[in-house]
Amino acid sequence: TGRISIGSGDLRSMTYLAKLLAAFHRQHPRVQYEIYSGDSDGIKERIEQGLLDMGLLLEPVDTSRYQILRLPVRESWGVLVPEDSPLAQQEVVTPGDLADSPLILTTRELMRREMIRWFGPYADRIQVAASGNLPYNQTQLAREGLGIYLVIRLDCAYDGLRFVPLSPPLESGTVLAWKKTEVLSATAAALLRFAEKYVGGISDHPV
C-alpha cells in the first residue's frame, strides 16, 4: 500500500519507466502513483521541497545531491519543422543547416551548453527566436513558422510538422534520481529496490 510521487519530463524513457511501474504494480496492486510533469530543474526543485519522492531527469543535470539509477534509454535530438520546409525533405540536419536560422530552444542552461558544443564552429551563428521548458507550447510556435524547434524525439506525431534527426547525432541519457539524505517511505524504497533489479536484468538490451 501507499503512494509514490514521481516527476518526469516529456521523454521516451517515460515509456520504459511506465513498463517498470506496471511490473511493480502487478506485485503491489494497492500502491498508487502520482505523476508530475515538468522539466528536470522543476522536478529537482520539487524533490528538494519534499513534494516528490523521485524524478526522471534528462542529462546533463547536476545530480550531486542525489542517488541515481541510470535507465538504458538514449534520448535522440532533432528538429521539428513544418512539412513544407526545405529541411523537412532532408534525412538529417547539420549545424550548418541551422546557422543564422531562427531557433526555438530549451530554457535549461546545461542543455543549451550541450547544444552550443554541438554547433561547433557555427555556435556564433545561433539565432534564438524563442525558448521554453516543455515541448507542447514550443511545438505550436514551430507549427506557425516562428522558428526551428530543437527537441528530443518523442513517440508521437505533430500535425503539420516533421521530425528530422541531427547529424552528427546528439543524444542524452536519463536517470531516476532521489535525495541522498531523504528517508523514503517503505513503498518508495521498495520501488527503488525493484527498479534496480529490473534495470539490471535488461540493461543489456536498451530500448
C-alpha atoms as a PDB file:
ATOM      1  CA  THR A   1       0.000   0.000   0.000  1.00  0.00           C
ATOM      2  CA  GLY A   2       0.962   3.662  -0.099  1.00  0.00           C
ATOM      3  CA  ARG A   3       1.538   6.357  -2.685  1.00  0.00           C
ATOM      4  CA  ILE A   4       4.632   7.149  -4.730  1.00  0.00           C
ATOM      5  CA  SER A   5       5.123  10.564  -6.348  1.00  0.00           C
ATOM      6  CA  ILE A   6       7.337  10.730  -9.426  1.00  0.00           C
ATOM      7  CA  GLY A   7       8.319  13.640 -11.659  1.00  0.00           C
ATOM      8  CA  SER A   8       9.074  13.285 -15.353  1.00  0.00           C
ATOM      9  CA  GLY A   9       9.503  15.385 -18.444  1.00  0.00           C
ATOM     10  CA  ASP A  10       8.175  14.513 -21.902  1.00  0.00           C
ATOM     11  CA  LEU A  11      10.691  11.746 -22.570  1.00  0.00           C
ATOM     12  CA  ARG A  12      10.838   8.457 -24.465  1.00  0.00           C
ATOM     13  CA  SER A  13      12.291   6.968 -21.292  1.00  0.00           C
ATOM     14  CA  MET A  14       8.914   7.554 -19.618  1.00  0.00           C
ATOM     15  CA  THR A  15       7.704   4.626 -21.753  1.00  0.00           C
ATOM     16  CA  TYR A  16      10.385   2.490 -20.132  1.00  0.00           C
ATOM     17  CA  LEU A  17       9.503   3.790 -16.659  1.00  0.00           C
ATOM     18  CA  ALA A  18       5.818   3.055 -17.300  1.00  0.00           C
ATOM     19  CA  LYS A  19       6.685  -0.579 -18.069  1.00  0.00           C
ATOM     20  CA  LEU A  20       8.723  -0.725 -14.861  1.00  0.00           C
ATOM     21  CA  LEU A  21       5.848   0.720 -12.813  1.00  0.00           C
ATOM     22  CA  ALA A  22       3.375  -1.694 -14.397  1.00  0.00           C
ATOM     23  CA  ALA A  23       5.610  -4.640 -13.484  1.00  0.00           C
ATOM     24  CA  PHE A  24       5.925  -3.352  -9.907  1.00  0.00           C
ATOM     25  CA  HIS A  25       2.181  -2.775  -9.733  1.00  0.00           C
ATOM     26  CA  ARG A  26       1.455  -6.383 -10.614  1.00  0.00           C
ATOM     27  CA  GLN A  27       3.285  -7.342  -7.437  1.00  0.00           C
ATOM     28  CA  HIS A  28       1.895  -4.448  -5.364  1.00  0.00           C
ATOM     29  CA  PRO A  29      -1.589  -3.708  -6.758  1.00  0.00           C
ATOM     30  CA  ARG A  30      -2.634  -1.414  -3.899  1.00  0.00           C
ATOM     31  CA  VAL A  31       0.119   1.138  -4.498  1.00  0.00           C
ATOM     32  CA  GLN A  32      -0.963   4.441  -6.098  1.00  0.00           C
ATOM     33  CA  TYR A  33       1.201   6.624  -8.328  1.00  0.00           C
ATOM     34  CA  GLU A  34       1.178  10.392  -8.662  1.00  0.00           C
ATOM     35  CA  ILE A  35       2.975  11.630 -11.784  1.00  0.00           C
ATOM     36  CA  TYR A  36       4.109  15.249 -12.022  1.00  0.00           C
ATOM     37  CA  SER A  37       5.100  16.612 -15.443  1.00  0.00           C
ATOM     38  CA  GLY A  38       7.859  19.202 -15.695  1.00  0.00           C
ATOM     39  CA  ASP A  39      11.434  19.783 -16.793  1.00  0.00           C
ATOM     40  CA  SER A  40      14.447  18.475 -14.882  1.00  0.00           C
ATOM     41  CA  ASP A  41      15.049  21.720 -12.984  1.00  0.00           C
ATOM     42  CA  GLY A  42      11.433  21.933 -11.827  1.00  0.00           C
ATOM     43  CA  ILE A  43      11.417  18.279 -10.826  1.00  0.00           C
ATOM     44  CA  LYS A  44      14.604  18.695  -8.771  1.00  0.00           C
ATOM     45  CA  GLU A  45      13.070  21.682  -7.002  1.00  0.00           C
ATOM     46  CA  ARG A  46      10.027  19.636  -6.023  1.00  0.00           C
ATOM     47  CA  ILE A  47      12.208  16.768  -4.820  1.00  0.00           C
ATOM     48  CA  GLU A  48      14.105  19.260  -2.642  1.00  0.00           C
ATOM     49  CA  GLN A  49      10.810  20.544  -1.230  1.00  0.00           C
ATOM     50  CA  GLY A  50       9.710  17.017  -0.371  1.00  0.00           C
ATOM     51  CA  LEU A  51       6.836  17.136  -2.867  1.00  0.00           C
ATOM     52  CA  LEU A  52       8.203  14.277  -4.977  1.00  0.00           C
ATOM     53  CA  ASP A  53       9.810  11.006  -3.939  1.00  0.00           C
ATOM     54  CA  MET A  54      11.895  10.760  -7.088  1.00  0.00           C
ATOM     55  CA  GLY A  55      12.199  12.100 -10.606  1.00  0.00           C
ATOM     56  CA  LEU A  56      13.143  11.051 -14.114  1.00  0.00           C
ATOM     57  CA  LEU A  57      15.781  13.576 -15.210  1.00  0.00           C
ATOM     58  CA  LEU A  58      17.233  14.350 -18.622  1.00  0.00           C
ATOM     59  CA  GLU A  59      21.005  14.700 -18.702  1.00  0.00           C
ATOM     60  CA  PRO A  60      23.097  16.758 -18.492  1.00  0.00           C
ATOM     61  CA  VAL A  61      21.875  17.544 -14.989  1.00  0.00           C
ATOM     62  CA  ASP A  62      23.594  18.175 -11.647  1.00  0.00           C
ATOM     63  CA  THR A  63      22.923  15.085  -9.530  1.00  0.00           C
ATOM     64  CA  SER A  64      25.498  15.736  -6.798  1.00  0.00           C
ATOM     65  CA  ARG A  65      22.767  15.798  -4.145  1.00  0.00           C
ATOM     66  CA  TYR A  66      21.042  12.667  -5.408  1.00  0.00           C
ATOM     67  CA  GLN A  67      21.266   8.940  -5.649  1.00  0.00           C
ATOM     68  CA  ILE A  68      20.651   7.917  -9.249  1.00  0.00           C
ATOM     69  CA  LEU A  69      19.674   4.894 -11.293  1.00  0.00           C
ATOM     70  CA  ARG A  70      20.617   5.226 -14.944  1.00  0.00           C
ATOM     71  CA  LEU A  71      17.997   3.967 -17.385  1.00  0.00           C
ATOM     72  CA  PRO A  72      19.016   2.068 -20.548  1.00  0.00           C
ATOM     73  CA  VAL A  73      17.369   4.615 -22.840  1.00  0.00           C
ATOM     74  CA  ARG A  74      19.003   7.254 -25.037  1.00  0.00           C
ATOM     75  CA  GLU A  75      17.017  10.343 -25.975  1.00  0.00           C
ATOM     76  CA  SER A  76      17.790  11.451 -29.550  1.00  0.00           C
ATOM     77  CA  TRP A  77      17.685  15.115 -30.559  1.00  0.00           C
ATOM     78  CA  GLY A  78      16.439  16.570 -33.796  1.00  0.00           C
ATOM     79  CA  VAL A  79      14.340  19.415 -35.139  1.00  0.00           C
ATOM     80  CA  LEU A  80      10.621  19.843 -35.682  1.00  0.00           C
ATOM     81  CA  VAL A  81       9.919  21.832 -38.827  1.00  0.00           C
ATOM     82  CA  PRO A  82       6.792  22.497 -40.915  1.00  0.00           C
ATOM     83  CA  GLU A  83       6.210  19.817 -43.543  1.00  0.00           C
ATOM     84  CA  ASP A  84       6.642  22.395 -46.317  1.00  0.00           C
ATOM     85  CA  SER A  85      10.056  23.497 -45.007  1.00  0.00           C
ATOM     86  CA  PRO A  86      13.066  22.586 -47.179  1.00  0.00           C
ATOM     87  CA  LEU A  87      14.606  20.990 -44.071  1.00  0.00           C
ATOM     88  CA  ALA A  88      11.653  18.588 -43.875  1.00  0.00           C
ATOM     89  CA  GLN A  89      12.860  16.973 -47.105  1.00  0.00           C
ATOM     90  CA  GLN A  90      16.273  16.125 -45.623  1.00  0.00           C
ATOM     91  CA  GLU A  91      17.211  12.884 -43.877  1.00  0.00           C
ATOM     92  CA  VAL A  92      19.277  14.780 -41.282  1.00  0.00           C
ATOM     93  CA  VAL A  93      20.118  18.374 -40.398  1.00  0.00           C
ATOM     94  CA  THR A  94      23.618  19.665 -39.644  1.00  0.00           C
ATOM     95  CA  PRO A  95      24.882  22.682 -37.686  1.00  0.00           C
ATOM     96  CA  GLY A  96      25.441  24.463 -40.987  1.00  0.00           C
ATOM     97  CA  ASP A  97      21.794  23.893 -41.972  1.00  0.00           C
ATOM     98  CA  LEU A  98      20.659  25.704 -38.820  1.00  0.00           C
ATOM     99  CA  ALA A  99      23.170  28.565 -38.810  1.00  0.00           C
ATOM    100  CA  ASP A 100      21.521  32.009 -38.955  1.00  0.00           C
ATOM    101  CA  SER A 101      18.038  30.440 -38.802  1.00  0.00           C
ATOM    102  CA  PRO A 102      15.551  31.353 -36.032  1.00  0.00           C
ATOM    103  CA  LEU A 103      15.623  28.589 -33.420  1.00  0.00           C
ATOM    104  CA  ILE A 104      13.369  27.512 -30.567  1.00  0.00           C
ATOM    105  CA  LEU A 105      15.450  26.113 -27.701  1.00  0.00           C
ATOM    106  CA  THR A 106      15.067  24.729 -24.208  1.00  0.00           C
ATOM    107  CA  THR A 107      15.458  27.143 -21.301  1.00  0.00           C
ATOM    108  CA  ARG A 108      17.668  24.642 -19.425  1.00  0.00           C
ATOM    109  CA  GLU A 109      21.143  26.144 -19.241  1.00  0.00           C
ATOM    110  CA  LEU A 110      23.090  22.861 -19.093  1.00  0.00           C
ATOM    111  CA  MET A 111      21.270  21.521 -22.145  1.00  0.00           C
ATOM    112  CA  ARG A 112      21.836  24.739 -24.060  1.00  0.00           C
ATOM    113  CA  ARG A 113      25.563  24.393 -23.427  1.00  0.00           C
ATOM    114  CA  GLU A 114      25.410  20.913 -24.947  1.00  0.00           C
ATOM    115  CA  MET A 115      23.674  22.361 -27.998  1.00  0.00           C
ATOM    116  CA  ILE A 116      26.291  25.092 -28.350  1.00  0.00           C
ATOM    117  CA  ARG A 117      29.007  22.427 -28.314  1.00  0.00           C
ATOM    118  CA  TRP A 118      27.095  20.518 -30.993  1.00  0.00           C
ATOM    119  CA  PHE A 119      27.021  23.616 -33.218  1.00  0.00           C
ATOM    120  CA  GLY A 120      30.824  23.781 -33.022  1.00  0.00           C
ATOM    121  CA  PRO A 121      32.211  26.467 -35.368  1.00  0.00           C
ATOM    122  CA  TYR A 122      28.657  27.618 -36.126  1.00  0.00           C
ATOM    123  CA  ALA A 123      27.905  28.437 -32.468  1.00  0.00           C
ATOM    124  CA  ASP A 124      28.291  32.185 -33.022  1.00  0.00           C
ATOM    125  CA  ARG A 125      25.577  31.985 -35.696  1.00  0.00           C
ATOM    126  CA  ILE A 126      22.844  30.663 -33.379  1.00  0.00           C
ATOM    127  CA  GLN A 127      19.745  32.862 -33.600  1.00  0.00           C
ATOM    128  CA  VAL A 128      17.277  32.255 -30.757  1.00  0.00           C
ATOM    129  CA  ALA A 129      13.689  33.204 -31.599  1.00  0.00           C
ATOM    130  CA  ALA A 130      12.039  31.655 -28.531  1.00  0.00           C
ATOM    131  CA  SER A 131      12.692  29.300 -25.639  1.00  0.00           C
ATOM    132  CA  GLY A 132      10.654  27.241 -23.208  1.00  0.00           C
ATOM    133  CA  ASN A 133      10.728  24.290 -20.834  1.00  0.00           C
ATOM    134  CA  LEU A 134       8.118  21.841 -22.194  1.00  0.00           C
ATOM    135  CA  PRO A 135       7.504  20.685 -25.763  1.00  0.00           C
ATOM    136  CA  TYR A 136       3.817  21.387 -26.366  1.00  0.00           C
ATOM    137  CA  ASN A 137       3.942  25.198 -26.395  1.00  0.00           C
ATOM    138  CA  GLN A 138       7.130  25.327 -28.448  1.00  0.00           C
ATOM    139  CA  THR A 139       5.570  22.918 -30.930  1.00  0.00           C
ATOM    140  CA  GLN A 140       2.797  25.431 -31.582  1.00  0.00           C
ATOM    141  CA  LEU A 141       5.392  28.122 -32.281  1.00  0.00           C
ATOM    142  CA  ALA A 142       7.231  25.834 -34.701  1.00  0.00           C
ATOM    143  CA  ARG A 143       3.985  24.994 -36.499  1.00  0.00           C
ATOM    144  CA  GLU A 144       3.358  28.698 -37.102  1.00  0.00           C
ATOM    145  CA  GLY A 145       6.859  29.153 -38.502  1.00  0.00           C
ATOM    146  CA  LEU A 146       8.300  31.200 -35.645  1.00  0.00           C
ATOM    147  CA  GLY A 147      11.421  29.059 -35.589  1.00  0.00           C
ATOM    148  CA  ILE A 148      13.028  25.649 -35.932  1.00  0.00           C
ATOM    149  CA  TYR A 149      12.434  23.677 -32.753  1.00  0.00           C
ATOM    150  CA  LEU A 150      15.354  21.653 -31.366  1.00  0.00           C
ATOM    151  CA  VAL A 151      13.742  18.858 -29.377  1.00  0.00           C
ATOM    152  CA  ILE A 152      14.130  15.220 -28.380  1.00  0.00           C
ATOM    153  CA  ARG A 153      12.345  12.581 -30.429  1.00  0.00           C
ATOM    154  CA  LEU A 154       9.043  11.588 -28.844  1.00  0.00           C
ATOM    155  CA  ASP A 155       6.806   8.636 -29.611  1.00  0.00           C
ATOM    156  CA  CYS A 156       4.100  10.860 -31.057  1.00  0.00           C
ATOM    157  CA  ALA A 157       3.317  12.818 -34.199  1.00  0.00           C
ATOM    158  CA  TYR A 158       2.547  16.511 -34.531  1.00  0.00           C
ATOM    159  CA  ASP A 159       0.177  17.553 -37.307  1.00  0.00           C
ATOM    160  CA  GLY A 160       1.906  19.647 -39.923  1.00  0.00           C
ATOM    161  CA  LEU A 161       5.398  19.056 -38.537  1.00  0.00           C
ATOM    162  CA  ARG A 162       8.195  16.623 -39.342  1.00  0.00           C
ATOM    163  CA  PHE A 163      10.977  15.458 -37.036  1.00  0.00           C
ATOM    164  CA  VAL A 164      14.427  15.387 -38.641  1.00  0.00           C
ATOM    165  CA  PRO A 165      17.396  13.926 -36.693  1.00  0.00           C
ATOM    166  CA  LEU A 166      20.594  15.869 -36.091  1.00  0.00           C
ATOM    167  CA  SER A 167      23.909  14.980 -37.718  1.00  0.00           C
ATOM    168  CA  PRO A 168      26.267  14.428 -36.034  1.00  0.00           C
ATOM    169  CA  PRO A 169      23.836  12.768 -33.601  1.00  0.00           C
ATOM    170  CA  LEU A 170      23.126  14.450 -30.274  1.00  0.00           C
ATOM    171  CA  GLU A 171      21.872  12.132 -27.547  1.00  0.00           C
ATOM    172  CA  SER A 172      21.051  12.492 -23.855  1.00  0.00           C
ATOM    173  CA  GLY A 173      20.817   9.923 -21.094  1.00  0.00           C
ATOM    174  CA  THR A 174      18.156   9.774 -18.395  1.00  0.00           C
ATOM    175  CA  VAL A 175      18.393   8.932 -14.706  1.00  0.00           C
ATOM    176  CA  LEU A 176      15.904   8.168 -11.967  1.00  0.00           C
ATOM    177  CA  ALA A 177      17.008  10.360  -9.045  1.00  0.00           C
ATOM    178  CA  TRP A 178      16.116  10.711  -5.376  1.00  0.00           C
ATOM    179  CA  LYS A 179      17.656  12.668  -2.490  1.00  0.00           C
ATOM    180  CA  LYS A 180      20.675  11.153  -0.770  1.00  0.00           C
ATOM    181  CA  THR A 181      19.600  12.495   2.607  1.00  0.00           C
ATOM    182  CA  GLU A 182      15.894  11.695   2.323  1.00  0.00           C
ATOM    183  CA  VAL A 183      14.358   8.872   4.336  1.00  0.00           C
ATOM    184  CA  LEU A 184      11.999   7.346   1.795  1.00  0.00           C
ATOM    185  CA  SER A 185       8.706   5.710   2.622  1.00  0.00           C
ATOM    186  CA  ALA A 186       8.729   1.918   2.712  1.00  0.00           C
ATOM    187  CA  THR A 187       6.704   1.916  -0.507  1.00  0.00           C
ATOM    188  CA  ALA A 188       9.098   4.210  -2.393  1.00  0.00           C
ATOM    189  CA  ALA A 189      12.095   2.267  -1.103  1.00  0.00           C
ATOM    190  CA  ALA A 190      10.515  -0.976  -2.310  1.00  0.00           C
ATOM    191  CA  LEU A 191      10.014   0.521  -5.766  1.00  0.00           C
ATOM    192  CA  LEU A 192      13.660   1.572  -5.980  1.00  0.00           C
ATOM    193  CA  ARG A 193      14.868  -1.882  -4.972  1.00  0.00           C
ATOM    194  CA  PHE A 194      12.594  -3.342  -7.643  1.00  0.00           C
ATOM    195  CA  ALA A 195      13.816  -0.782 -10.201  1.00  0.00           C
ATOM    196  CA  GLU A 196      17.463  -1.638  -9.583  1.00  0.00           C
ATOM    197  CA  LYS A 197      16.759  -5.318 -10.252  1.00  0.00           C
ATOM    198  CA  TYR A 198      14.514  -4.521 -13.240  1.00  0.00           C
ATOM    199  CA  VAL A 199      17.079  -2.264 -14.904  1.00  0.00           C
ATOM    200  CA  GLY A 200      19.924  -4.642 -14.112  1.00  0.00           C
ATOM    201  CA  GLY A 201      18.040  -7.537 -15.634  1.00  0.00           C
ATOM    202  CA  ILE A 202      17.518  -5.973 -19.062  1.00  0.00           C
ATOM    203  CA  SER A 203      20.072  -3.164 -19.254  1.00  0.00           C
ATOM    204  CA  ASP A 204      21.971  -5.097 -21.938  1.00  0.00           C
ATOM    205  CA  HIS A 205      19.022  -4.516 -24.272  1.00  0.00           C
ATOM    206  CA  PRO A 206      18.421  -0.727 -24.474  1.00  0.00           C
ATOM    207  CA  VAL A 207      15.124   0.453 -25.929  1.00  0.00           C
END
